[in-house]
Amino acid sequence: MAEPTAKRSTIYFDPELHRALRLKAASTNRSVSDIVNEAVRQSLREDQEDLAAFGDRVAEPTITYEELLDDLKKHGRI
């Protein structure tokens, strides 16, 4: 059930995805909204983790794509 402060939004799903969501909701006794909210939360957590990882690595040296390929070739990886 939606929280009292929940906001309503219109989302258009591909028909196959909508069918899969409805089937999952029915088989897990959850609402489509609950499933979508959980998926969005997970996606945002992953984004937050990615941004934190980028922040942790900001001081690392960068190399060009060409330098990376040269290094891989030099070490027999390609």
N, C-alpha and C. Protein backbone atom coordinates (compact mmCIF):
# COMPACT_ATOMS: atom_id res chain seq x y z
N MET A 1 0.84 -1.19 0.00
CA MET A 1 0.00 0.00 0.00
C MET A 1 0.88 1.24 0.00
N ALA A 2 0.45 2.25 -0.69
CA ALA A 2 1.24 3.48 -0.81
C ALA A 2 1.31 4.21 0.53
N GLU A 3 2.45 4.82 0.75
CA GLU A 3 2.62 5.63 1.95
C GLU A 3 1.76 6.89 1.82
N PRO A 4 1.35 7.49 2.96
CA PRO A 4 0.51 8.69 2.89
C PRO A 4 1.17 9.84 2.12
N THR A 5 2.49 9.91 2.13
CA THR A 5 3.18 11.00 1.43
C THR A 5 3.62 10.60 0.02
N ALA A 6 3.21 9.41 -0.42
CA ALA A 6 3.61 8.93 -1.74
C ALA A 6 3.08 9.87 -2.82
N LYS A 7 3.85 10.03 -3.88
CA LYS A 7 3.46 10.87 -5.01
C LYS A 7 3.06 9.98 -6.17
N ARG A 8 2.10 10.42 -6.91
CA ARG A 8 1.60 9.67 -8.04
C ARG A 8 2.32 10.12 -9.31
N SER A 9 2.62 9.15 -10.18
CA SER A 9 3.27 9.46 -11.44
C SER A 9 2.77 8.50 -12.51
N THR A 10 2.74 8.95 -13.73
CA THR A 10 2.35 8.09 -14.84
C THR A 10 3.62 7.59 -15.52
N ILE A 11 3.71 6.27 -15.64
CA ILE A 11 4.86 5.65 -16.27
C ILE A 11 4.34 4.75 -17.39
N TYR A 12 4.96 4.81 -18.54
CA TYR A 12 4.58 3.97 -19.66
C TYR A 12 5.58 2.84 -19.80
N PHE A 13 5.11 1.60 -19.66
CA PHE A 13 5.96 0.42 -19.77
C PHE A 13 5.77 -0.24 -21.12
N ASP A 14 6.81 -0.90 -21.59
CA ASP A 14 6.65 -1.78 -22.74
C ASP A 14 5.64 -2.86 -22.34
N PRO A 15 4.80 -3.29 -23.25
CA PRO A 15 3.78 -4.28 -22.89
C PRO A 15 4.33 -5.54 -22.21
N GLU A 16 5.44 -6.06 -22.73
CA GLU A 16 6.02 -7.28 -22.15
C GLU A 16 6.52 -7.03 -20.73
N LEU A 17 7.11 -5.87 -20.50
CA LEU A 17 7.60 -5.53 -19.17
C LEU A 17 6.43 -5.34 -18.20
N HIS A 18 5.38 -4.71 -18.66
CA HIS A 18 4.20 -4.51 -17.81
C HIS A 18 3.58 -5.86 -17.44
N ARG A 19 3.52 -6.75 -18.39
CA ARG A 19 2.97 -8.09 -18.10
C ARG A 19 3.84 -8.81 -17.08
N ALA A 20 5.16 -8.74 -17.25
CA ALA A 20 6.07 -9.38 -16.30
C ALA A 20 5.92 -8.78 -14.90
N LEU A 21 5.79 -7.47 -14.83
CA LEU A 21 5.59 -6.81 -13.54
C LEU A 21 4.29 -7.27 -12.88
N ARG A 22 3.23 -7.32 -13.65
CA ARG A 22 1.94 -7.76 -13.09
C ARG A 22 2.02 -9.19 -12.61
N LEU A 23 2.68 -10.07 -13.37
CA LEU A 23 2.82 -11.46 -12.96
C LEU A 23 3.66 -11.58 -11.69
N LYS A 24 4.75 -10.81 -11.62
CA LYS A 24 5.59 -10.84 -10.42
C LYS A 24 4.82 -10.32 -9.22
N ALA A 25 4.06 -9.26 -9.42
CA ALA A 25 3.28 -8.70 -8.32
C ALA A 25 2.28 -9.73 -7.81
N ALA A 26 1.61 -10.41 -8.72
CA ALA A 26 0.62 -11.40 -8.31
C ALA A 26 1.28 -12.59 -7.60
N SER A 27 2.43 -13.01 -8.10
CA SER A 27 3.06 -14.19 -7.52
C SER A 27 3.76 -13.90 -6.20
N THR A 28 4.04 -12.63 -5.91
CA THR A 28 4.72 -12.27 -4.66
C THR A 28 3.80 -11.53 -3.69
N ASN A 29 2.53 -11.41 -4.07
CA ASN A 29 1.55 -10.68 -3.24
C ASN A 29 2.02 -9.26 -2.92
N ARG A 30 2.59 -8.61 -3.92
CA ARG A 30 3.02 -7.23 -3.79
C ARG A 30 2.38 -6.42 -4.90
N SER A 31 2.42 -5.12 -4.76
CA SER A 31 1.88 -4.27 -5.82
C SER A 31 2.98 -3.96 -6.84
N VAL A 32 2.54 -3.60 -8.04
CA VAL A 32 3.49 -3.16 -9.07
C VAL A 32 4.26 -1.95 -8.54
N SER A 33 3.58 -1.05 -7.84
CA SER A 33 4.25 0.13 -7.29
C SER A 33 5.37 -0.27 -6.33
N ASP A 34 5.12 -1.24 -5.47
CA ASP A 34 6.16 -1.70 -4.54
C ASP A 34 7.38 -2.23 -5.29
N ILE A 35 7.13 -3.02 -6.31
CA ILE A 35 8.22 -3.60 -7.09
C ILE A 35 9.01 -2.51 -7.81
N VAL A 36 8.31 -1.56 -8.42
CA VAL A 36 8.98 -0.47 -9.15
C VAL A 36 9.76 0.42 -8.17
N ASN A 37 9.16 0.75 -7.03
CA ASN A 37 9.86 1.56 -6.04
C ASN A 37 11.13 0.87 -5.56
N GLU A 38 11.05 -0.42 -5.31
CA GLU A 38 12.25 -1.17 -4.88
C GLU A 38 13.33 -1.14 -5.96
N ALA A 39 12.94 -1.31 -7.21
CA ALA A 39 13.91 -1.30 -8.31
C ALA A 39 14.56 0.06 -8.46
N VAL A 40 13.78 1.12 -8.32
CA VAL A 40 14.32 2.48 -8.43
C VAL A 40 15.27 2.75 -7.27
N ARG A 41 14.88 2.35 -6.06
CA ARG A 41 15.77 2.53 -4.90
C ARG A 41 17.10 1.82 -5.13
N GLN A 42 17.04 0.58 -5.62
CA GLN A 42 18.26 -0.19 -5.87
C GLN A 42 19.13 0.51 -6.92
N SER A 43 18.51 0.99 -7.97
CA SER A 43 19.26 1.70 -9.01
C SER A 43 19.94 2.95 -8.45
N LEU A 44 19.23 3.69 -7.61
CA LEU A 44 19.81 4.91 -7.02
C LEU A 44 20.94 4.56 -6.04
N ARG A 45 20.80 3.45 -5.29
CA ARG A 45 21.88 3.01 -4.40
C ARG A 45 23.13 2.67 -5.22
N GLU A 46 22.92 1.98 -6.35
CA GLU A 46 24.06 1.64 -7.21
C GLU A 46 24.72 2.89 -7.75
N ASP A 47 23.93 3.87 -8.15
CA ASP A 47 24.49 5.14 -8.63
C ASP A 47 25.30 5.80 -7.52
N GLN A 48 24.77 5.79 -6.30
CA GLN A 48 25.48 6.39 -5.17
C GLN A 48 26.80 5.67 -4.91
N GLU A 49 26.79 4.34 -5.00
CA GLU A 49 28.02 3.57 -4.81
C GLU A 49 29.03 3.89 -5.92
N ASP A 50 28.55 4.01 -7.15
CA ASP A 50 29.43 4.35 -8.27
C ASP A 50 30.07 5.71 -8.06
N LEU A 51 29.27 6.69 -7.66
CA LEU A 51 29.80 8.03 -7.43
C LEU A 51 30.83 8.04 -6.31
N ALA A 52 30.58 7.25 -5.26
CA ALA A 52 31.54 7.16 -4.16
C ALA A 52 32.84 6.53 -4.66
N ALA A 53 32.73 5.51 -5.50
CA ALA A 53 33.94 4.87 -6.05
C ALA A 53 34.71 5.85 -6.92
N PHE A 54 34.00 6.62 -7.72
CA PHE A 54 34.68 7.63 -8.54
C PHE A 54 35.41 8.63 -7.64
N GLY A 55 34.74 9.03 -6.56
CA GLY A 55 35.36 9.97 -5.63
C GLY A 55 36.60 9.40 -4.98
N ASP A 56 36.56 8.11 -4.65
CA ASP A 56 37.72 7.46 -4.04
C ASP A 56 38.89 7.37 -5.01
N ARG A 57 38.60 7.34 -6.31
CA ARG A 57 39.65 7.15 -7.30
C ARG A 57 40.05 8.43 -8.02
N VAL A 58 39.55 9.56 -7.57
CA VAL A 58 39.77 10.82 -8.28
C VAL A 58 41.26 11.16 -8.38
N ALA A 59 42.07 10.74 -7.43
CA ALA A 59 43.49 11.08 -7.44
C ALA A 59 44.33 10.11 -8.27
N GLU A 60 43.72 9.04 -8.77
CA GLU A 60 44.47 8.08 -9.57
C GLU A 60 44.87 8.71 -10.91
N PRO A 61 46.03 8.32 -11.40
CA PRO A 61 46.44 8.86 -12.71
C PRO A 61 45.54 8.30 -13.81
N THR A 62 45.37 9.07 -14.85
CA THR A 62 44.58 8.62 -15.98
C THR A 62 45.50 8.36 -17.16
N ILE A 63 45.04 7.45 -18.03
CA ILE A 63 45.79 7.19 -19.26
C ILE A 63 44.80 7.21 -20.40
N THR A 64 45.32 7.42 -21.59
CA THR A 64 44.45 7.44 -22.76
C THR A 64 44.11 6.00 -23.14
N TYR A 65 43.12 5.88 -23.97
CA TYR A 65 42.72 4.57 -24.47
C TYR A 65 43.87 3.90 -25.23
N GLU A 66 44.58 4.70 -26.00
CA GLU A 66 45.71 4.17 -26.76
C GLU A 66 46.80 3.65 -25.81
N GLU A 67 47.06 4.40 -24.74
CA GLU A 67 48.06 3.97 -23.75
C GLU A 67 47.61 2.67 -23.07
N LEU A 68 46.34 2.55 -22.80
CA LEU A 68 45.82 1.32 -22.20
C LEU A 68 46.04 0.14 -23.13
N LEU A 69 45.70 0.32 -24.41
CA LEU A 69 45.90 -0.76 -25.37
C LEU A 69 47.38 -1.13 -25.49
N ASP A 70 48.25 -0.13 -25.52
CA ASP A 70 49.69 -0.40 -25.59
C ASP A 70 50.14 -1.19 -24.38
N ASP A 71 49.66 -0.83 -23.19
CA ASP A 71 50.05 -1.52 -21.97
C ASP A 71 49.54 -2.96 -21.96
N LEU A 72 48.32 -3.16 -22.39
CA LEU A 72 47.77 -4.52 -22.47
C LEU A 72 48.57 -5.38 -23.43
N LYS A 73 48.93 -4.80 -24.58
CA LYS A 73 49.72 -5.53 -25.57
C LYS A 73 51.10 -5.84 -25.02
N LYS A 74 51.72 -4.87 -24.36
CA LYS A 74 53.05 -5.03 -23.79
C LYS A 74 53.10 -6.18 -22.78
N HIS A 75 52.00 -6.36 -22.04
CA HIS A 75 51.95 -7.41 -21.02
C HIS A 75 51.28 -8.68 -21.51
N GLY A 76 51.09 -8.79 -22.83
CA GLY A 76 50.56 -10.02 -23.43
C GLY A 76 49.10 -10.31 -23.13
N ARG A 77 48.33 -9.31 -22.82
CA ARG A 77 46.92 -9.53 -22.51
C ARG A 77 46.02 -9.40 -23.71
N ILE A 78 46.54 -8.80 -24.78
CA ILE A 78 45.81 -8.76 -26.05
C ILE A 78 46.77 -9.04 -27.17
